[in-house]
Amino acid sequence: MSIQVHMLALGALQTNCYIVADTQSREAVIIDPSDEPQAILALIQREGYTVREILATHTHFDHVLAAQPVKAATGAPFRLHMEGVQQLARSQQIAQMYGLSAPEPAEADSFIAEGDVIEFGAVRLETIYTPGHSVGHVSFVLGSEKVVFSGDCLFRNSIGRTDLPGGDYNTLIATIYQKLIVLGDDYIVYSGHGPQTTIGYERLHNPFLLG
């Protein structure tokens, strides 16, 4: 297998950052540079990876705190869904509401949307639009490994909160059924917080999906 997924749970909110790499070409993409840029960059340096893209599933501040320094250090473009731009610009203000500080947010270099494919080496990530938790929320499907990076849509035994601006419970439930459950029970779910799970486990045991 030439594809490796690294997970780092970073910062006060323990937000997961993922580094998906082709171990032969040593190319990689960073999904949700959540915090602690030194930890992200240390892994990149240790593994000898060249970062091709920095991607955000959505622009809640805890998912993008390290975007600017990681972008500056790697030279990789930072990409997100266009709907998340205004939320990104307000990340410092929003963080203060939770008693936390946030650095000046990174600027997006380009945008991603439903159907866009990020491809390098053996890695092929397909973008799917997954609203309900946040404006401009996307997930990334790594079909060759039967993996989906779900951001804050779906967690082990839970779902993303919908009481924040841009959240909507009915939209999120529809998203989970129409975009994630249909991937198949054997898909591994790497979410924005907490441990990995599978579509099959959540379909059978997640209390939010049993109604």
N, C-alpha and C. Protein backbone atom coordinates (compact mmCIF):
# COMPACT_ATOMS: atom_id res chain seq x y z
N MET A 1 0.85 -1.20 0.00
CA MET A 1 0.00 0.00 0.00
C MET A 1 0.88 1.25 0.00
N SER A 2 0.60 2.16 -0.92
CA SER A 2 1.43 3.36 -1.01
C SER A 2 0.74 4.59 -0.43
N ILE A 3 -0.44 4.40 0.18
CA ILE A 3 -1.15 5.52 0.77
C ILE A 3 -1.16 5.37 2.28
N GLN A 4 -0.80 6.44 2.97
CA GLN A 4 -0.80 6.42 4.43
C GLN A 4 -1.59 7.61 4.95
N VAL A 5 -2.37 7.39 6.01
CA VAL A 5 -3.13 8.45 6.65
C VAL A 5 -2.58 8.66 8.06
N HIS A 6 -2.15 9.87 8.34
CA HIS A 6 -1.70 10.24 9.68
C HIS A 6 -2.79 11.09 10.32
N MET A 7 -3.07 10.86 11.61
CA MET A 7 -4.04 11.67 12.34
C MET A 7 -3.35 12.32 13.53
N LEU A 8 -3.56 13.62 13.68
CA LEU A 8 -3.07 14.37 14.82
C LEU A 8 -4.25 15.05 15.49
N ALA A 9 -4.48 14.82 16.77
CA ALA A 9 -5.52 15.52 17.54
C ALA A 9 -4.84 16.70 18.23
N LEU A 10 -5.20 17.90 17.82
CA LEU A 10 -4.40 19.08 18.18
C LEU A 10 -5.23 20.14 18.89
N GLY A 11 -4.55 20.92 19.72
CA GLY A 11 -5.14 22.10 20.33
C GLY A 11 -6.04 21.81 21.50
N ALA A 12 -6.55 22.89 22.09
CA ALA A 12 -7.41 22.78 23.26
C ALA A 12 -8.68 22.01 22.97
N LEU A 13 -9.16 22.07 21.73
CA LEU A 13 -10.40 21.39 21.36
C LEU A 13 -10.16 20.02 20.74
N GLN A 14 -8.88 19.58 20.72
CA GLN A 14 -8.54 18.26 20.19
C GLN A 14 -9.20 18.01 18.84
N THR A 15 -8.97 18.94 17.94
CA THR A 15 -9.51 18.82 16.58
C THR A 15 -8.54 18.01 15.72
N ASN A 16 -9.07 17.05 15.00
CA ASN A 16 -8.23 16.16 14.21
C ASN A 16 -7.73 16.84 12.94
N CYS A 17 -6.43 16.71 12.72
CA CYS A 17 -5.79 17.10 11.47
C CYS A 17 -5.31 15.82 10.80
N TYR A 18 -5.55 15.70 9.50
CA TYR A 18 -5.14 14.51 8.76
C TYR A 18 -4.11 14.86 7.70
N ILE A 19 -3.12 14.02 7.59
CA ILE A 19 -2.14 14.13 6.51
C ILE A 19 -2.23 12.85 5.70
N VAL A 20 -2.62 12.99 4.44
CA VAL A 20 -2.78 11.86 3.54
C VAL A 20 -1.63 11.88 2.56
N ALA A 21 -0.86 10.80 2.53
CA ALA A 21 0.38 10.81 1.75
C ALA A 21 0.51 9.60 0.84
N ASP A 22 1.18 9.82 -0.27
CA ASP A 22 1.66 8.75 -1.14
C ASP A 22 3.08 8.44 -0.67
N THR A 23 3.29 7.27 -0.10
CA THR A 23 4.58 6.96 0.50
C THR A 23 5.67 6.69 -0.53
N GLN A 24 5.29 6.53 -1.79
CA GLN A 24 6.30 6.34 -2.83
C GLN A 24 6.78 7.67 -3.38
N SER A 25 5.84 8.55 -3.74
CA SER A 25 6.24 9.86 -4.28
C SER A 25 6.57 10.85 -3.18
N ARG A 26 6.16 10.54 -1.92
CA ARG A 26 6.35 11.41 -0.75
C ARG A 26 5.58 12.72 -0.89
N GLU A 27 4.49 12.69 -1.65
CA GLU A 27 3.59 13.84 -1.76
C GLU A 27 2.46 13.68 -0.76
N ALA A 28 1.93 14.81 -0.28
CA ALA A 28 0.90 14.73 0.74
C ALA A 28 -0.06 15.90 0.64
N VAL A 29 -1.22 15.70 1.26
CA VAL A 29 -2.21 16.76 1.41
C VAL A 29 -2.55 16.84 2.90
N ILE A 30 -2.77 18.04 3.39
CA ILE A 30 -3.18 18.25 4.78
C ILE A 30 -4.66 18.60 4.79
N ILE A 31 -5.44 17.87 5.58
CA ILE A 31 -6.87 18.15 5.73
C ILE A 31 -7.10 18.70 7.13
N ASP A 32 -7.63 19.90 7.22
CA ASP A 32 -7.94 20.58 8.48
C ASP A 32 -6.69 20.82 9.34
N PRO A 33 -5.91 21.84 9.00
CA PRO A 33 -4.74 22.22 9.81
C PRO A 33 -5.22 22.88 11.10
N SER A 34 -5.57 22.07 12.08
CA SER A 34 -6.40 22.51 13.20
C SER A 34 -5.68 23.39 14.21
N ASP A 35 -4.43 23.11 14.51
CA ASP A 35 -3.70 23.87 15.53
C ASP A 35 -2.28 23.31 15.58
N GLU A 36 -1.46 23.89 16.44
CA GLU A 36 -0.11 23.40 16.67
C GLU A 36 0.66 23.18 15.36
N PRO A 37 0.91 24.25 14.62
CA PRO A 37 1.60 24.08 13.33
C PRO A 37 2.94 23.37 13.46
N GLN A 38 3.61 23.56 14.60
CA GLN A 38 4.91 22.91 14.77
C GLN A 38 4.78 21.39 14.75
N ALA A 39 3.66 20.86 15.27
CA ALA A 39 3.47 19.41 15.27
C ALA A 39 3.19 18.91 13.85
N ILE A 40 2.39 19.67 13.11
CA ILE A 40 2.09 19.29 11.73
C ILE A 40 3.37 19.31 10.89
N LEU A 41 4.12 20.39 11.02
CA LEU A 41 5.33 20.54 10.21
C LEU A 41 6.41 19.54 10.62
N ALA A 42 6.45 19.18 11.91
CA ALA A 42 7.43 18.19 12.35
C ALA A 42 7.16 16.84 11.70
N LEU A 43 5.90 16.46 11.59
CA LEU A 43 5.56 15.19 10.94
C LEU A 43 5.92 15.24 9.46
N ILE A 44 5.58 16.37 8.82
CA ILE A 44 5.91 16.53 7.39
C ILE A 44 7.41 16.39 7.16
N GLN A 45 8.19 17.04 8.02
CA GLN A 45 9.64 17.01 7.88
C GLN A 45 10.19 15.62 8.17
N ARG A 46 9.70 15.00 9.21
CA ARG A 46 10.18 13.67 9.60
C ARG A 46 9.95 12.65 8.50
N GLU A 47 8.79 12.75 7.84
CA GLU A 47 8.43 11.79 6.79
C GLU A 47 8.98 12.18 5.41
N GLY A 48 9.49 13.40 5.30
CA GLY A 48 10.02 13.86 4.02
C GLY A 48 8.97 14.11 2.97
N TYR A 49 7.79 14.58 3.41
CA TYR A 49 6.70 14.82 2.48
C TYR A 49 6.79 16.20 1.85
N THR A 50 6.32 16.28 0.61
CA THR A 50 6.06 17.55 -0.06
C THR A 50 4.56 17.78 -0.05
N VAL A 51 4.13 18.87 0.56
CA VAL A 51 2.70 19.14 0.69
C VAL A 51 2.19 19.79 -0.59
N ARG A 52 1.21 19.16 -1.22
CA ARG A 52 0.64 19.67 -2.47
C ARG A 52 -0.56 20.59 -2.23
N GLU A 53 -1.35 20.28 -1.20
CA GLU A 53 -2.55 21.08 -0.94
C GLU A 53 -2.81 21.11 0.56
N ILE A 54 -3.44 22.19 1.02
CA ILE A 54 -3.96 22.30 2.38
C ILE A 54 -5.47 22.52 2.23
N LEU A 55 -6.26 21.60 2.77
CA LEU A 55 -7.70 21.62 2.56
C LEU A 55 -8.44 21.81 3.88
N ALA A 56 -9.54 22.53 3.83
CA ALA A 56 -10.41 22.68 4.99
C ALA A 56 -11.76 22.04 4.70
N THR A 57 -12.21 21.16 5.60
CA THR A 57 -13.57 20.64 5.45
C THR A 57 -14.58 21.76 5.66
N HIS A 58 -14.26 22.69 6.57
CA HIS A 58 -15.10 23.86 6.82
C HIS A 58 -14.26 24.86 7.61
N THR A 59 -14.81 26.05 7.83
CA THR A 59 -13.98 27.13 8.36
C THR A 59 -14.32 27.53 9.79
N HIS A 60 -14.87 26.63 10.59
CA HIS A 60 -14.90 26.89 12.02
C HIS A 60 -13.45 27.02 12.49
N PHE A 61 -13.22 27.98 13.39
CA PHE A 61 -11.84 28.38 13.70
C PHE A 61 -10.95 27.22 14.14
N ASP A 62 -11.52 26.22 14.84
CA ASP A 62 -10.67 25.15 15.36
C ASP A 62 -10.17 24.21 14.28
N HIS A 63 -10.65 24.37 13.06
CA HIS A 63 -10.18 23.53 11.95
C HIS A 63 -9.13 24.22 11.08
N VAL A 64 -8.89 25.50 11.32
CA VAL A 64 -8.00 26.26 10.43
C VAL A 64 -6.97 27.10 11.19
N LEU A 65 -6.80 26.87 12.49
CA LEU A 65 -5.91 27.72 13.28
C LEU A 65 -4.47 27.70 12.78
N ALA A 66 -4.02 26.57 12.24
CA ALA A 66 -2.64 26.45 11.79
C ALA A 66 -2.47 26.69 10.30
N ALA A 67 -3.54 27.09 9.62
CA ALA A 67 -3.47 27.20 8.16
C ALA A 67 -2.42 28.19 7.69
N GLN A 68 -2.37 29.36 8.30
CA GLN A 68 -1.44 30.39 7.83
C GLN A 68 0.03 29.97 8.00
N PRO A 69 0.48 29.55 9.20
CA PRO A 69 1.88 29.16 9.32
C PRO A 69 2.24 27.92 8.51
N VAL A 70 1.31 26.97 8.38
CA VAL A 70 1.60 25.78 7.58
C VAL A 70 1.70 26.15 6.10
N LYS A 71 0.83 27.02 5.67
CA LYS A 71 0.89 27.51 4.29
C LYS A 71 2.20 28.23 4.03
N ALA A 72 2.61 29.08 4.96
CA ALA A 72 3.85 29.84 4.79
C ALA A 72 5.07 28.92 4.75
N ALA A 73 5.05 27.87 5.57
CA ALA A 73 6.20 26.98 5.66
C ALA A 73 6.31 26.02 4.48
N THR A 74 5.18 25.61 3.93
CA THR A 74 5.19 24.60 2.87
C THR A 74 5.03 25.19 1.47
N GLY A 75 4.45 26.39 1.38
CA GLY A 75 4.17 26.97 0.07
C GLY A 75 3.00 26.34 -0.63
N ALA A 76 2.27 25.46 0.07
CA ALA A 76 1.13 24.78 -0.55
C ALA A 76 -0.10 25.69 -0.55
N PRO A 77 -0.94 25.60 -1.56
CA PRO A 77 -2.16 26.42 -1.60
C PRO A 77 -3.18 25.95 -0.57
N PHE A 78 -3.92 26.91 -0.02
CA PHE A 78 -4.97 26.65 0.95
C PHE A 78 -6.31 26.76 0.26
N ARG A 79 -7.14 25.70 0.37
CA ARG A 79 -8.39 25.64 -0.38
C ARG A 79 -9.56 25.29 0.53
N LEU A 80 -10.70 25.89 0.23
CA LEU A 80 -11.92 25.67 0.99
C LEU A 80 -13.10 25.96 0.10
N HIS A 81 -14.31 25.67 0.59
CA HIS A 81 -15.50 25.97 -0.17
C HIS A 81 -15.78 27.47 -0.10
N MET A 82 -16.25 28.03 -1.20
CA MET A 82 -16.46 29.47 -1.28
C MET A 82 -17.41 29.98 -0.20
N GLU A 83 -18.39 29.15 0.19
CA GLU A 83 -19.36 29.60 1.18
C GLU A 83 -18.73 29.84 2.56
N GLY A 84 -17.52 29.33 2.77
CA GLY A 84 -16.89 29.47 4.08
C GLY A 84 -16.01 30.69 4.23
N VAL A 85 -15.92 31.52 3.20
CA VAL A 85 -14.98 32.64 3.23
C VAL A 85 -15.30 33.65 4.33
N GLN A 86 -16.54 34.05 4.43
CA GLN A 86 -16.90 35.05 5.44
C GLN A 86 -16.70 34.52 6.85
N GLN A 87 -17.03 33.27 7.08
CA GLN A 87 -16.81 32.66 8.39
C GLN A 87 -15.33 32.61 8.72
N LEU A 88 -14.50 32.31 7.73
CA LEU A 88 -13.05 32.30 7.93
C LEU A 88 -12.55 33.67 8.34
N ALA A 89 -13.05 34.71 7.70
CA ALA A 89 -12.62 36.07 8.01
C ALA A 89 -12.96 36.47 9.44
N ARG A 90 -13.99 35.84 10.03
CA ARG A 90 -14.43 36.18 11.38
C ARG A 90 -13.89 35.19 12.42
N SER A 91 -12.91 34.39 12.05
CA SER A 91 -12.47 33.32 12.95
C SER A 91 -11.90 33.85 14.26
N GLN A 92 -11.19 34.97 14.22
CA GLN A 92 -10.65 35.53 15.47
C GLN A 92 -11.77 35.98 16.39
N GLN A 93 -12.76 36.64 15.84
CA GLN A 93 -13.90 37.11 16.62
C GLN A 93 -14.68 35.95 17.21
N ILE A 94 -14.89 34.92 16.43
CA ILE A 94 -15.65 33.75 16.89
C ILE A 94 -14.88 33.03 17.99
N ALA A 95 -13.56 32.90 17.83
CA ALA A 95 -12.74 32.23 18.86
C ALA A 95 -12.83 32.97 20.19
N GLN A 96 -12.85 34.29 20.13
CA GLN A 96 -12.94 35.08 21.36
C GLN A 96 -14.24 34.80 22.10
N MET A 97 -15.30 34.49 21.39
CA MET A 97 -16.58 34.17 22.02
C MET A 97 -16.48 32.92 22.89
N TYR A 98 -15.49 32.07 22.61
CA TYR A 98 -15.29 30.85 23.38
C TYR A 98 -14.10 30.97 24.33
N GLY A 99 -13.63 32.20 24.51
CA GLY A 99 -12.51 32.43 25.41
C GLY A 99 -11.18 31.97 24.89
N LEU A 100 -11.08 31.82 23.58
CA LEU A 100 -9.85 31.35 22.96
C LEU A 100 -9.31 32.42 22.02
N SER A 101 -8.03 32.33 21.72
CA SER A 101 -7.43 33.26 20.78
C SER A 101 -7.11 32.54 19.48
N ALA A 102 -7.19 33.27 18.40
CA ALA A 102 -6.90 32.70 17.08
C ALA A 102 -6.01 33.68 16.32
N PRO A 103 -5.07 33.17 15.53
CA PRO A 103 -4.22 34.05 14.74
C PRO A 103 -4.97 34.62 13.55
N GLU A 104 -4.36 35.54 12.87
CA GLU A 104 -4.91 36.07 11.63
C GLU A 104 -5.16 34.91 10.67
N PRO A 105 -6.37 34.79 10.12
CA PRO A 105 -6.66 33.63 9.27
C PRO A 105 -5.91 33.67 7.94
N ALA A 106 -5.65 32.51 7.42
CA ALA A 106 -5.03 32.40 6.09
C ALA A 106 -6.05 32.80 5.03
N GLU A 107 -5.56 33.29 3.94
CA GLU A 107 -6.44 33.58 2.80
C GLU A 107 -6.49 32.36 1.89
N ALA A 108 -7.66 32.12 1.35
CA ALA A 108 -7.81 31.01 0.42
C ALA A 108 -7.11 31.33 -0.90
N ASP A 109 -6.43 30.36 -1.45
CA ASP A 109 -5.78 30.53 -2.76
C ASP A 109 -6.72 30.15 -3.89
N SER A 110 -7.62 29.22 -3.62
CA SER A 110 -8.64 28.83 -4.59
C SER A 110 -9.72 28.08 -3.84
N PHE A 111 -10.76 27.68 -4.57
CA PHE A 111 -11.92 27.09 -3.91
C PHE A 111 -12.18 25.68 -4.40
N ILE A 112 -12.87 24.91 -3.56
CA ILE A 112 -13.25 23.55 -3.90
C ILE A 112 -14.76 23.44 -3.83
N ALA A 113 -15.30 22.54 -4.62
CA ALA A 113 -16.75 22.36 -4.69
C ALA A 113 -17.06 20.90 -4.97
N GLU A 114 -18.33 20.57 -4.85
CA GLU A 114 -18.80 19.21 -5.13
C GLU A 114 -18.25 18.70 -6.45
N GLY A 115 -17.65 17.51 -6.41
CA GLY A 115 -17.15 16.87 -7.62
C GLY A 115 -15.69 17.15 -7.93
N ASP A 116 -15.10 18.14 -7.27
CA ASP A 116 -13.69 18.42 -7.50
C ASP A 116 -12.84 17.26 -7.00
N VAL A 117 -11.76 16.98 -7.72
CA VAL A 117 -10.87 15.87 -7.37
C VAL A 117 -9.47 16.42 -7.10
N ILE A 118 -8.91 16.04 -5.96
CA ILE A 118 -7.53 16.37 -5.63
C ILE A 118 -6.72 15.11 -5.86
N GLU A 119 -5.79 15.17 -6.78
CA GLU A 119 -5.09 13.96 -7.21
C GLU A 119 -3.60 14.19 -7.30
N PHE A 120 -2.84 13.28 -6.69
CA PHE A 120 -1.38 13.29 -6.80
C PHE A 120 -0.90 11.88 -6.45
N GLY A 121 0.12 11.41 -7.16
CA GLY A 121 0.58 10.06 -6.92
C GLY A 121 -0.57 9.07 -6.98
N ALA A 122 -0.67 8.22 -5.96
CA ALA A 122 -1.75 7.23 -5.88
C ALA A 122 -2.98 7.77 -5.16
N VAL A 123 -2.91 9.01 -4.69
CA VAL A 123 -4.00 9.59 -3.91
C VAL A 123 -5.00 10.28 -4.82
N ARG A 124 -6.28 9.93 -4.63
CA ARG A 124 -7.36 10.58 -5.38
C ARG A 124 -8.50 10.87 -4.42
N LEU A 125 -8.63 12.13 -4.04
CA LEU A 125 -9.66 12.57 -3.10
C LEU A 125 -10.79 13.25 -3.87
N GLU A 126 -12.00 12.74 -3.71
CA GLU A 126 -13.16 13.37 -4.34
C GLU A 126 -13.89 14.23 -3.32
N THR A 127 -14.24 15.43 -3.71
CA THR A 127 -14.93 16.38 -2.83
C THR A 127 -16.44 16.17 -2.93
N ILE A 128 -17.09 16.06 -1.77
CA ILE A 128 -18.55 16.02 -1.73
C ILE A 128 -19.04 17.14 -0.81
N TYR A 129 -20.12 17.77 -1.20
CA TYR A 129 -20.69 18.89 -0.44
C TYR A 129 -21.57 18.31 0.66
N THR A 130 -21.26 18.66 1.92
CA THR A 130 -21.94 18.04 3.06
C THR A 130 -22.40 19.10 4.07
N PRO A 131 -23.40 19.89 3.73
CA PRO A 131 -23.87 20.96 4.60
C PRO A 131 -24.67 20.44 5.79
N GLY A 132 -24.95 21.36 6.72
CA GLY A 132 -25.77 21.04 7.87
C GLY A 132 -25.13 21.43 9.18
N HIS A 133 -23.82 21.17 9.30
CA HIS A 133 -23.08 21.59 10.50
C HIS A 133 -22.56 23.01 10.36
N SER A 134 -22.10 23.34 9.17
CA SER A 134 -21.47 24.64 8.93
C SER A 134 -21.69 25.05 7.48
N VAL A 135 -21.64 26.34 7.26
CA VAL A 135 -21.66 26.82 5.87
C VAL A 135 -20.42 26.29 5.15
N GLY A 136 -20.60 25.99 3.88
CA GLY A 136 -19.46 25.56 3.06
C GLY A 136 -18.76 24.31 3.55
N HIS A 137 -19.49 23.39 4.14
CA HIS A 137 -18.86 22.17 4.65
C HIS A 137 -18.73 21.15 3.52
N VAL A 138 -17.54 20.59 3.38
CA VAL A 138 -17.30 19.51 2.42
C VAL A 138 -16.64 18.34 3.14
N SER A 139 -16.72 17.19 2.52
CA SER A 139 -16.01 16.01 2.98
C SER A 139 -15.18 15.48 1.81
N PHE A 140 -14.21 14.64 2.13
CA PHE A 140 -13.32 14.13 1.10
C PHE A 140 -13.32 12.61 1.12
N VAL A 141 -13.57 12.02 -0.04
CA VAL A 141 -13.67 10.57 -0.17
C VAL A 141 -12.41 10.03 -0.83
N LEU A 142 -11.76 9.11 -0.12
CA LEU A 142 -10.58 8.41 -0.65
C LEU A 142 -11.05 7.00 -1.01
N GLY A 143 -11.60 6.90 -2.20
CA GLY A 143 -12.27 5.67 -2.60
C GLY A 143 -11.39 4.44 -2.63
N SER A 144 -10.13 4.60 -2.99
CA SER A 144 -9.24 3.45 -3.10
C SER A 144 -9.03 2.77 -1.76
N GLU A 145 -9.15 3.52 -0.68
CA GLU A 145 -8.96 2.97 0.66
C GLU A 145 -10.28 2.81 1.42
N LYS A 146 -11.39 3.15 0.76
CA LYS A 146 -12.71 3.14 1.41
C LYS A 146 -12.68 3.96 2.69
N VAL A 147 -12.32 5.22 2.51
CA VAL A 147 -12.18 6.17 3.61
C VAL A 147 -12.92 7.45 3.25
N VAL A 148 -13.59 8.06 4.23
CA VAL A 148 -14.15 9.39 4.05
C VAL A 148 -13.71 10.27 5.23
N PHE A 149 -13.24 11.45 4.90
CA PHE A 149 -12.89 12.46 5.89
C PHE A 149 -14.11 13.36 6.03
N SER A 150 -14.86 13.16 7.12
CA SER A 150 -16.20 13.73 7.23
C SER A 150 -16.27 15.07 7.93
N GLY A 151 -15.11 15.62 8.33
CA GLY A 151 -15.17 16.88 9.07
C GLY A 151 -16.04 16.72 10.30
N ASP A 152 -16.94 17.67 10.52
CA ASP A 152 -17.81 17.62 11.70
C ASP A 152 -19.24 17.19 11.35
N CYS A 153 -19.41 16.40 10.29
CA CYS A 153 -20.73 15.87 9.95
C CYS A 153 -21.10 14.70 10.84
N LEU A 154 -20.21 13.72 10.89
CA LEU A 154 -20.52 12.44 11.51
C LEU A 154 -19.38 12.03 12.42
N PHE A 155 -19.75 11.67 13.67
CA PHE A 155 -18.78 11.19 14.64
C PHE A 155 -19.18 9.80 15.11
N ARG A 156 -18.30 9.16 15.83
CA ARG A 156 -18.66 7.89 16.45
C ARG A 156 -19.77 8.14 17.47
N ASN A 157 -20.92 7.55 17.23
CA ASN A 157 -22.09 7.66 18.10
C ASN A 157 -22.66 9.08 18.21
N SER A 158 -22.32 9.95 17.27
CA SER A 158 -22.85 11.31 17.36
C SER A 158 -22.80 11.96 15.98
N ILE A 159 -23.28 13.21 15.93
CA ILE A 159 -23.24 14.02 14.71
C ILE A 159 -22.77 15.41 15.08
N GLY A 160 -22.49 16.23 14.07
CA GLY A 160 -22.06 17.59 14.32
C GLY A 160 -23.17 18.43 14.95
N ARG A 161 -22.77 19.39 15.77
CA ARG A 161 -23.77 20.28 16.37
C ARG A 161 -24.36 21.19 15.29
N THR A 162 -25.60 21.58 15.51
CA THR A 162 -26.29 22.41 14.51
C THR A 162 -26.83 23.70 15.10
N ASP A 163 -26.34 24.06 16.30
CA ASP A 163 -26.83 25.27 16.95
C ASP A 163 -25.94 26.49 16.70
N LEU A 164 -24.95 26.33 15.83
CA LEU A 164 -24.08 27.45 15.46
C LEU A 164 -24.60 28.08 14.17
N PRO A 165 -24.20 29.34 13.88
CA PRO A 165 -24.64 29.98 12.63
C PRO A 165 -24.32 29.10 11.42
N GLY A 166 -25.31 28.93 10.56
CA GLY A 166 -25.12 28.09 9.38
C GLY A 166 -25.47 26.64 9.58
N GLY A 167 -25.80 26.26 10.84
CA GLY A 167 -26.16 24.88 11.12
C GLY A 167 -27.65 24.64 10.95
N ASP A 168 -28.00 23.43 10.55
CA ASP A 168 -29.42 23.07 10.41
C ASP A 168 -29.53 21.56 10.58
N TYR A 169 -30.29 21.14 11.58
CA TYR A 169 -30.36 19.72 11.93
C TYR A 169 -30.90 18.87 10.79
N ASN A 170 -32.01 19.29 10.20
CA ASN A 170 -32.62 18.48 9.13
C ASN A 170 -31.70 18.37 7.93
N THR A 171 -31.00 19.46 7.62
CA THR A 171 -30.05 19.43 6.51
C THR A 171 -28.92 18.46 6.79
N LEU A 172 -28.42 18.47 8.03
CA LEU A 172 -27.31 17.59 8.38
C LEU A 172 -27.72 16.12 8.30
N ILE A 173 -28.89 15.79 8.82
CA ILE A 173 -29.36 14.40 8.76
C ILE A 173 -29.51 13.96 7.30
N ALA A 174 -30.07 14.84 6.47
CA ALA A 174 -30.22 14.51 5.04
C ALA A 174 -28.86 14.31 4.39
N THR A 175 -27.90 15.16 4.75
CA THR A 175 -26.54 15.03 4.23
C THR A 175 -25.94 13.68 4.60
N ILE A 176 -26.08 13.29 5.85
CA ILE A 176 -25.49 12.03 6.30
C ILE A 176 -26.07 10.85 5.51
N TYR A 177 -27.38 10.84 5.32
CA TYR A 177 -28.00 9.74 4.59
C TYR A 177 -27.69 9.78 3.09
N GLN A 178 -27.72 10.97 2.51
CA GLN A 178 -27.60 11.09 1.05
C GLN A 178 -26.16 11.10 0.56
N LYS A 179 -25.21 11.50 1.42
CA LYS A 179 -23.83 11.62 0.97
C LYS A 179 -22.87 10.64 1.64
N LEU A 180 -23.15 10.26 2.88
CA LEU A 180 -22.20 9.43 3.62
C LEU A 180 -22.66 7.98 3.74
N ILE A 181 -23.88 7.75 4.21
CA ILE A 181 -24.36 6.37 4.38
C ILE A 181 -24.29 5.60 3.07
N VAL A 182 -24.56 6.29 1.96
CA VAL A 182 -24.58 5.61 0.65
C VAL A 182 -23.19 5.14 0.20
N LEU A 183 -22.14 5.59 0.86
CA LEU A 183 -20.80 5.14 0.49
C LEU A 183 -20.63 3.65 0.76
N GLY A 184 -21.31 3.14 1.77
CA GLY A 184 -21.23 1.71 2.07
C GLY A 184 -20.73 1.46 3.48
N ASP A 185 -21.20 0.36 4.07
CA ASP A 185 -20.91 0.05 5.46
C ASP A 185 -19.43 -0.11 5.75
N ASP A 186 -18.64 -0.52 4.76
CA ASP A 186 -17.23 -0.80 5.01
C ASP A 186 -16.35 0.43 4.96
N TYR A 187 -16.92 1.60 4.70
CA TYR A 187 -16.12 2.82 4.66
C TYR A 187 -15.71 3.25 6.07
N ILE A 188 -14.44 3.57 6.23
CA ILE A 188 -13.92 4.13 7.47
C ILE A 188 -14.21 5.62 7.49
N VAL A 189 -14.68 6.12 8.62
CA VAL A 189 -14.98 7.54 8.78
C VAL A 189 -13.91 8.17 9.67
N TYR A 190 -13.15 9.08 9.11
CA TYR A 190 -12.22 9.89 9.88
C TYR A 190 -12.88 11.25 10.09
N SER A 191 -13.27 11.53 11.31
CA SER A 191 -14.04 12.74 11.61
C SER A 191 -13.18 13.83 12.21
N GLY A 192 -13.81 14.99 12.41
CA GLY A 192 -13.08 16.17 12.87
C GLY A 192 -12.68 16.13 14.33
N HIS A 193 -13.34 15.26 15.11
CA HIS A 193 -13.01 15.10 16.52
C HIS A 193 -13.23 13.64 16.88
N GLY A 194 -12.44 13.14 17.79
CA GLY A 194 -12.66 11.80 18.31
C GLY A 194 -12.11 10.70 17.43
N PRO A 195 -12.42 9.44 17.79
CA PRO A 195 -11.84 8.29 17.09
C PRO A 195 -12.52 8.00 15.76
N GLN A 196 -11.86 7.18 14.98
CA GLN A 196 -12.45 6.76 13.72
C GLN A 196 -13.62 5.82 13.98
N THR A 197 -14.46 5.67 12.97
CA THR A 197 -15.58 4.74 13.05
C THR A 197 -15.82 4.20 11.65
N THR A 198 -16.94 3.55 11.44
CA THR A 198 -17.30 3.08 10.10
C THR A 198 -18.74 3.47 9.82
N ILE A 199 -19.05 3.55 8.54
CA ILE A 199 -20.43 3.83 8.14
C ILE A 199 -21.37 2.76 8.69
N GLY A 200 -20.95 1.51 8.61
CA GLY A 200 -21.79 0.42 9.07
C GLY A 200 -22.10 0.51 10.56
N TYR A 201 -21.08 0.83 11.36
CA TYR A 201 -21.31 0.95 12.80
C TYR A 201 -22.29 2.08 13.09
N GLU A 202 -22.10 3.22 12.44
CA GLU A 202 -22.97 4.37 12.71
C GLU A 202 -24.39 4.10 12.22
N ARG A 203 -24.53 3.43 11.12
CA ARG A 203 -25.86 3.13 10.59
C ARG A 203 -26.66 2.28 11.58
N LEU A 204 -25.97 1.40 12.30
CA LEU A 204 -26.64 0.49 13.21
C LEU A 204 -26.73 1.00 14.64
N HIS A 205 -25.80 1.89 15.05
CA HIS A 205 -25.69 2.23 16.46
C HIS A 205 -25.80 3.72 16.78
N ASN A 206 -25.61 4.59 15.80
CA ASN A 206 -25.63 6.02 16.09
C ASN A 206 -27.05 6.43 16.50
N PRO A 207 -27.25 6.96 17.72
CA PRO A 207 -28.61 7.27 18.18
C PRO A 207 -29.32 8.31 17.34
N PHE A 208 -28.57 9.15 16.64
CA PHE A 208 -29.19 10.19 15.79
C PHE A 208 -29.70 9.61 14.47
N LEU A 209 -29.30 8.38 14.16
CA LEU A 209 -29.69 7.77 12.89
C LEU A 209 -30.66 6.60 13.08
N LEU A 210 -31.16 6.45 14.28
CA LEU A 210 -32.03 5.32 14.57
C LEU A 210 -33.50 5.71 14.65
N GLY A 211 -33.80 7.00 14.36
CA GLY A 211 -35.18 7.45 14.45
C GLY A 211 -35.96 7.14 13.20
